[in-house]
C-alpha atoms as a PDB file:
ATOM      1  CA  MET A   1      79.165  84.593 166.609  1.00  0.00           C
ATOM      2  CA  THR A   2      79.398  82.739 163.318  1.00  0.00           C
ATOM      3  CA  THR A   3      82.038  80.225 162.458  1.00  0.00           C
ATOM      4  CA  LYS A   4      83.237  79.799 158.934  1.00  0.00           C
ATOM      5  CA  LYS A   5      83.295  76.232 157.735  1.00  0.00           C
ATOM      6  CA  ILE A   6      86.435  75.093 155.973  1.00  0.00           C
ATOM      7  CA  SER A   7      86.159  72.277 153.485  1.00  0.00           C
ATOM      8  CA  PRO A   8      88.705  69.435 153.470  1.00  0.00           C
ATOM      9  CA  GLN A   9      89.898  70.685 150.069  1.00  0.00           C
ATOM     10  CA  GLN A  10      90.599  74.147 151.509  1.00  0.00           C
ATOM     11  CA  ASP A  11      92.312  72.643 154.535  1.00  0.00           C
ATOM     12  CA  ALA A  12      94.504  70.426 152.332  1.00  0.00           C
ATOM     13  CA  GLY A  13      95.304  73.393 150.096  1.00  0.00           C
ATOM     14  CA  TRP A  14      96.420  75.527 153.023  1.00  0.00           C
ATOM     15  CA  GLY A  15      98.515  72.651 154.354  1.00  0.00           C
ATOM     16  CA  LEU A  16     100.263  72.337 151.004  1.00  0.00           C
ATOM     17  CA  ILE A  17     100.892  76.078 150.840  1.00  0.00           C
ATOM     18  CA  TYR A  18     102.414  76.116 154.335  1.00  0.00           C
ATOM     19  CA  ARG A  19     104.632  73.093 153.602  1.00  0.00           C
ATOM     20  CA  LEU A  20     105.850  74.520 150.307  1.00  0.00           C
ATOM     21  CA  ASN A  21     106.455  77.922 151.846  1.00  0.00           C
ATOM     22  CA  ASP A  22     108.500  76.377 154.648  1.00  0.00           C
ATOM     23  CA  LEU A  23     110.521  74.291 152.178  1.00  0.00           C
ATOM     24  CA  TRP A  24     111.250  77.300 149.959  1.00  0.00           C
ATOM     25  CA  ARG A  25     112.374  79.172 153.082  1.00  0.00           C
ATOM     26  CA  LYS A  26     114.891  76.366 153.693  1.00  0.00           C
ATOM     27  CA  VAL A  27     116.065  76.597 150.080  1.00  0.00           C
ATOM     28  CA  GLU A  28     116.630  80.334 150.444  1.00  0.00           C
ATOM     29  CA  ARG A  29     118.846  79.702 153.490  1.00  0.00           C
ATOM     30  CA  CYS A  30     120.800  76.720 152.116  1.00  0.00           C
ATOM     31  CA  ALA A  31     121.643  78.062 148.664  1.00  0.00           C
ATOM     32  CA  PRO A  32     123.495  81.227 149.690  1.00  0.00           C
ATOM     33  CA  ALA A  33     125.197  79.393 152.557  1.00  0.00           C
ATOM     34  CA  GLY A  34     126.690  76.895 150.093  1.00  0.00           C
ATOM     35  CA  LYS A  35     124.896  73.938 151.709  1.00  0.00           C
ATOM     36  CA  TYR A  36     124.359  72.244 148.379  1.00  0.00           C
ATOM     37  CA  ASP A  37     123.280  68.829 149.673  1.00  0.00           C
ATOM     38  CA  GLU A  38     120.631  70.423 151.914  1.00  0.00           C
ATOM     39  CA  TRP A  39     119.555  72.649 149.032  1.00  0.00           C
ATOM     40  CA  ASN A  40     119.072  69.627 146.769  1.00  0.00           C
ATOM     41  CA  PHE A  41     117.251  67.693 149.497  1.00  0.00           C
ATOM     42  CA  SER A  42     114.848  70.597 150.062  1.00  0.00           C
ATOM     43  CA  LEU A  43     114.185  70.824 146.322  1.00  0.00           C
ATOM     44  CA  ASP A  44     113.375  67.093 146.306  1.00  0.00           C
ATOM     45  CA  ARG A  45     110.953  67.587 149.210  1.00  0.00           C
ATOM     46  CA  ILE A  46     109.219  70.346 147.231  1.00  0.00           C
ATOM     47  CA  TRP A  47     108.993  67.983 144.247  1.00  0.00           C
ATOM     48  CA  CYS A  48     107.400  65.290 146.415  1.00  0.00           C
ATOM     49  CA  ASN A  49     104.800  67.743 147.678  1.00  0.00           C
ATOM     50  CA  LEU A  50     103.938  68.784 144.127  1.00  0.00           C
ATOM     51  CA  LEU A  51     103.250  65.212 142.973  1.00  0.00           C
ATOM     52  CA  TYR A  52     100.352  64.529 145.336  1.00  0.00           C
ATOM     53  CA  ARG A  53      97.808  64.574 142.489  1.00  0.00           C
ATOM     54  CA  ASN A  54      99.818  62.538 139.992  1.00  0.00           C
ATOM     55  CA  ASP A  55      99.033  58.930 139.330  1.00  0.00           C
ATOM     56  CA  VAL A  56     101.362  56.078 140.123  1.00  0.00           C
ATOM     57  CA  ILE A  57     101.699  52.943 138.037  1.00  0.00           C
ATOM     58  CA  ILE A  58     101.499  49.796 140.132  1.00  0.00           C
ATOM     59  CA  THR A  59     102.710  46.653 138.386  1.00  0.00           C
ATOM     60  CA  LYS A  60     101.877  43.239 139.834  1.00  0.00           C
ATOM     61  CA  ASP A  61     103.092  39.767 138.981  1.00  0.00           C
ATOM     62  CA  ALA A  62     101.242  37.431 136.605  1.00  0.00           C
ATOM     63  CA  LYS A  63      98.921  36.225 139.385  1.00  0.00           C
ATOM     64  CA  GLN A  64      98.178  39.815 140.395  1.00  0.00           C
ATOM     65  CA  GLU A  65      99.209  39.017 143.961  1.00  0.00           C
ATOM     66  CA  ILE A  66     102.633  40.571 144.467  1.00  0.00           C
ATOM     67  CA  ILE A  67     103.586  44.125 143.654  1.00  0.00           C
ATOM     68  CA  VAL A  68     106.593  44.102 141.332  1.00  0.00           C
ATOM     69  CA  SER A  69     107.082  47.853 141.002  1.00  0.00           C
ATOM     70  CA  ILE A  70     105.572  51.238 141.728  1.00  0.00           C
ATOM     71  CA  GLU A  71     106.534  54.096 139.451  1.00  0.00           C
ATOM     72  CA  LEU A  72     105.498  57.668 138.920  1.00  0.00           C
ATOM     73  CA  SER A  73     103.697  58.215 135.645  1.00  0.00           C
ATOM     74  CA  GLU A  74     104.298  61.901 135.091  1.00  0.00           C
ATOM     75  CA  GLU A  75     106.359  62.910 132.038  1.00  0.00           C
ATOM     76  CA  ASP A  76     108.046  65.639 134.083  1.00  0.00           C
ATOM     77  CA  ILE A  77     109.911  62.889 135.921  1.00  0.00           C
ATOM     78  CA  ASP A  78     112.180  62.559 132.898  1.00  0.00           C
ATOM     79  CA  GLU A  79     113.101  66.220 133.291  1.00  0.00           C
ATOM     80  CA  LYS A  80     113.760  65.818 137.010  1.00  0.00           C
ATOM     81  CA  ASN A  81     115.859  62.702 136.423  1.00  0.00           C
ATOM     82  CA  PHE A  82     117.903  64.607 133.846  1.00  0.00           C
ATOM     83  CA  LEU A  83     118.512  67.420 136.341  1.00  0.00           C
ATOM     84  CA  ASP A  84     119.367  64.979 139.146  1.00  0.00           C
ATOM     85  CA  LYS A  85     121.891  63.234 136.898  1.00  0.00           C
ATOM     86  CA  LYS A  86     123.474  66.567 136.013  1.00  0.00           C
ATOM     87  CA  ILE A  87     123.648  67.494 139.720  1.00  0.00           C
ATOM     88  CA  PHE A  88     125.143  64.123 140.655  1.00  0.00           C
ATOM     89  CA  GLU A  89     127.813  64.310 137.963  1.00  0.00           C
ATOM     90  CA  ALA A  90     128.775  67.866 138.935  1.00  0.00           C
ATOM     91  CA  ARG A  91     128.931  66.886 142.591  1.00  0.00           C
ATOM     92  CA  MET A  92     131.200  63.905 141.868  1.00  0.00           C
ATOM     93  CA  VAL A  93     133.611  66.062 139.840  1.00  0.00           C
ATOM     94  CA  MET A  94     133.658  68.614 142.662  1.00  0.00           C
ATOM     95  CA  GLU A  95     134.264  65.937 145.325  1.00  0.00           C
ATOM     96  CA  ARG A  96     137.198  64.522 143.345  1.00  0.00           C
ATOM     97  CA  GLY A  97     138.594  68.021 142.895  1.00  0.00           C
ATOM     98  CA  LYS A  98     138.222  68.803 146.581  1.00  0.00           C
ATOM     99  CA  LYS A  99     140.725  66.056 147.403  1.00  0.00           C
ATOM    100  CA  ASN A 100     143.278  67.172 144.822  1.00  0.00           C
ATOM    101  CA  GLN A 101     144.127  70.893 145.014  1.00  0.00           C
ATOM    102  CA  GLU A 102     147.898  70.822 144.857  1.00  0.00           C
ATOM    103  CA  THR A 103     148.439  73.174 141.922  1.00  0.00           C
ATOM    104  CA  ASN A 104     146.761  76.370 140.760  1.00  0.00           C
ATOM    105  CA  ALA A 105     145.256  74.419 137.854  1.00  0.00           C
ATOM    106  CA  ASP A 106     143.749  71.937 140.343  1.00  0.00           C
ATOM    107  CA  LYS A 107     142.294  74.824 142.338  1.00  0.00           C
ATOM    108  CA  LYS A 108     140.810  76.345 139.159  1.00  0.00           C
ATOM    109  CA  ASN A 109     139.298  72.997 138.203  1.00  0.00           C
ATOM    110  CA  PHE A 110     137.800  72.636 141.692  1.00  0.00           C
ATOM    111  CA  THR A 111     136.325  76.143 141.492  1.00  0.00           C
ATOM    112  CA  LYS A 112     134.834  75.400 138.073  1.00  0.00           C
ATOM    113  CA  ALA A 113     133.411  72.080 139.323  1.00  0.00           C
ATOM    114  CA  LYS A 114     131.863  73.802 142.329  1.00  0.00           C
ATOM    115  CA  MET A 115     130.314  76.412 140.032  1.00  0.00           C
ATOM    116  CA  ASP A 116     128.944  73.673 137.755  1.00  0.00           C
ATOM    117  CA  TYR A 117     127.409  72.009 140.828  1.00  0.00           C
ATOM    118  CA  TYR A 118     125.857  75.315 141.907  1.00  0.00           C
ATOM    119  CA  ASN A 119     124.499  75.988 138.399  1.00  0.00           C
ATOM    120  CA  ALA A 120     122.965  72.515 138.159  1.00  0.00           C
ATOM    121  CA  LEU A 121     121.179  73.073 141.479  1.00  0.00           C
ATOM    122  CA  MET A 122     120.074  76.531 140.414  1.00  0.00           C
ATOM    123  CA  LEU A 123     118.614  75.070 137.216  1.00  0.00           C
ATOM    124  CA  LYS A 124     116.618  72.528 139.241  1.00  0.00           C
ATOM    125  CA  ASP A 125     115.473  75.351 141.539  1.00  0.00           C
ATOM    126  CA  VAL A 126     114.211  77.457 138.609  1.00  0.00           C
ATOM    127  CA  TRP A 127     112.679  74.413 136.911  1.00  0.00           C
ATOM    128  CA  LEU A 128     110.673  73.624 140.066  1.00  0.00           C
ATOM    129  CA  LYS A 129     109.385  77.194 140.276  1.00  0.00           C
ATOM    130  CA  LYS A 130     108.269  76.975 136.652  1.00  0.00           C
ATOM    131  CA  PHE A 131     106.636  73.601 137.371  1.00  0.00           C
ATOM    132  CA  MET A 132     104.790  75.151 140.318  1.00  0.00           C
ATOM    133  CA  ASN A 133     103.716  78.020 138.097  1.00  0.00           C
ATOM    134  CA  LYS A 134     102.217  75.540 135.586  1.00  0.00           C
ATOM    135  CA  LEU A 135     100.239  74.049 138.475  1.00  0.00           C
ATOM    136  CA  GLY A 136      99.056  77.512 139.536  1.00  0.00           C
ATOM    137  CA  LEU A 137     100.959  77.287 142.811  1.00  0.00           C
ATOM    138  CA  TYR A 138     103.613  79.947 142.353  1.00  0.00           C
ATOM    139  CA  LEU A 139     103.502  83.667 141.716  1.00  0.00           C
ATOM    140  CA  LYS A 140     100.443  85.219 140.187  1.00  0.00           C
ATOM    141  CA  GLU A 141     101.346  88.223 138.112  1.00  0.00           C
ATOM    142  CA  VAL A 142      98.806  91.018 138.150  1.00  0.00           C
ATOM    143  CA  THR A 143      98.402  93.723 135.571  1.00  0.00           C
ATOM    144  CA  LYS A 144      96.866  96.223 137.957  1.00  0.00           C
ATOM    145  CA  ASP A 145      99.121  98.716 139.664  1.00  0.00           C
ATOM    146  CA  PRO A 146      98.322  98.639 143.417  1.00  0.00           C
ATOM    147  CA  SER A 147      99.938 102.052 143.896  1.00  0.00           C
ATOM    148  CA  LYS A 148      97.090 103.613 141.891  1.00  0.00           C
ATOM    149  CA  ALA A 149      94.328 102.017 143.975  1.00  0.00           C
ATOM    150  CA  ILE A 150      94.025 105.033 146.269  1.00  0.00           C
ATOM    151  CA  TYR A 151      93.037 107.116 143.253  1.00  0.00           C
ATOM    152  CA  GLY A 152      90.634 104.511 141.888  1.00  0.00           C
ATOM    153  CA  GLY A 153      92.864 103.667 138.933  1.00  0.00           C
ATOM    154  CA  GLU A 154      94.286 100.429 137.678  1.00  0.00           C
END
């Protein structure tokens, strides 16, 4: 009986795939259920898992003894921060509207705010999938037609 050796890189890769798959499963449950905070939290967890290769910038004081700050150095962080700001603003408008639904106009405003919140989260969701695709971690599109494999075609 032979045993196949798995390298640490393969093991780490499989671990990442399982974590991401589990997190996306959570996203797919939270989004349709309207659990927007959980949806956003799961998207943030996916983001954290995708940054494992990115450098961090560690700034120390003049004597190089005390850490003053640690920041992520990836340019995509600006995009994520933009999306998070948009999500936060939409959520705040929705929360204010939730408390004040006395008239039909108030109810319409609340519905619009909730839709804006949903759309901001959906944009972050799509953006993360595109980010994963750039990293080669999302869907791989194939040009071959598997239904023709039985006949030896492509």
